[in-house]
Amino acid sequence: MADLKLDPGLDDPDGFYDELLAAHHELSKAESDAFNARLILILSNHIGDREILRQALKAAGKNA
């Protein structure tokens, strides 16, 4: 069984964060929420490992 990787893995995390914010620029709250939902589903499909996704849900819930 694989474990969720929580160590930093992006070469430029600040740059990605800037891109993520830019993608939300001028979106309404509803549009932003829909964008986030689509992004989560696209990335979940890319990951493709249900156990990793369960671990991610659990990790995200701890910080809520």
Protein backbone atom coordinates (compact mmCIF):
# COMPACT_ATOMS: atom_id res chain seq x y z
CA MET A 1 0.00 0.00 0.00
CA ALA A 2 1.30 3.41 -0.96
CA ASP A 3 1.36 6.36 1.42
CA LEU A 4 0.29 9.89 0.66
CA LYS A 5 3.29 12.10 -0.02
CA LEU A 6 3.09 15.28 2.06
CA ASP A 7 6.67 16.51 1.60
CA PRO A 8 7.09 19.49 -0.75
CA GLY A 9 7.27 18.24 -4.33
CA LEU A 10 6.94 21.31 -6.53
CA ASP A 11 10.02 23.03 -7.94
CA ASP A 12 8.30 26.41 -7.62
CA PRO A 13 5.39 26.20 -5.15
CA ASP A 14 5.01 29.98 -4.95
CA GLY A 15 4.82 30.20 -8.73
CA PHE A 16 2.15 27.50 -8.82
CA TYR A 17 0.20 29.30 -6.09
CA ASP A 18 0.32 32.48 -8.17
CA GLU A 19 -1.00 30.53 -11.18
CA LEU A 20 -3.78 29.03 -9.07
CA LEU A 21 -4.81 32.47 -7.82
CA ALA A 22 -4.70 33.83 -11.37
CA ALA A 23 -6.98 31.03 -12.55
CA HIS A 24 -9.58 32.27 -10.03
CA HIS A 25 -9.20 35.93 -10.96
CA GLU A 26 -12.56 37.56 -11.74
CA LEU A 27 -14.51 34.35 -11.02
CA SER A 28 -17.60 34.57 -8.87
CA LYS A 29 -17.74 32.44 -5.72
CA ALA A 30 -19.88 29.86 -7.54
CA GLU A 31 -17.52 29.80 -10.53
CA SER A 32 -14.51 29.50 -8.23
CA ASP A 33 -16.12 26.61 -6.34
CA ALA A 34 -16.94 24.86 -9.64
CA PHE A 35 -13.38 25.42 -10.87
CA ASN A 36 -12.00 23.88 -7.66
CA ALA A 37 -14.33 20.89 -7.99
CA ARG A 38 -13.25 20.28 -11.59
CA LEU A 39 -9.58 20.65 -10.67
CA ILE A 40 -9.94 18.18 -7.79
CA LEU A 41 -11.64 15.63 -10.04
CA ILE A 42 -9.03 16.05 -12.80
CA LEU A 43 -6.14 15.62 -10.35
CA SER A 44 -7.89 12.71 -8.61
CA ASN A 45 -8.26 10.99 -11.96
CA HIS A 46 -4.58 11.60 -12.67
CA ILE A 47 -3.57 10.13 -9.29
CA GLY A 48 -5.87 7.18 -9.88
CA ASP A 49 -5.13 5.49 -6.54
CA ARG A 50 -8.22 5.30 -4.33
CA GLU A 51 -6.20 4.64 -1.14
CA ILE A 52 -4.01 7.69 -1.74
CA LEU A 53 -7.14 9.75 -2.32
CA ARG A 54 -8.64 8.47 0.96
CA GLN A 55 -5.47 9.49 2.77
CA ALA A 56 -5.64 12.93 1.13
CA LEU A 57 -9.26 13.38 2.23
CA LYS A 58 -8.32 12.44 5.77
CA ALA A 59 -5.28 14.76 5.79
CA ALA A 60 -7.31 17.67 4.41
CA GLY A 61 -10.02 17.10 7.01
CA LYS A 62 -7.53 17.35 9.86
CA ASN A 63 -6.65 20.89 8.83
CA ALA A 64 -10.22 22.11 8.36
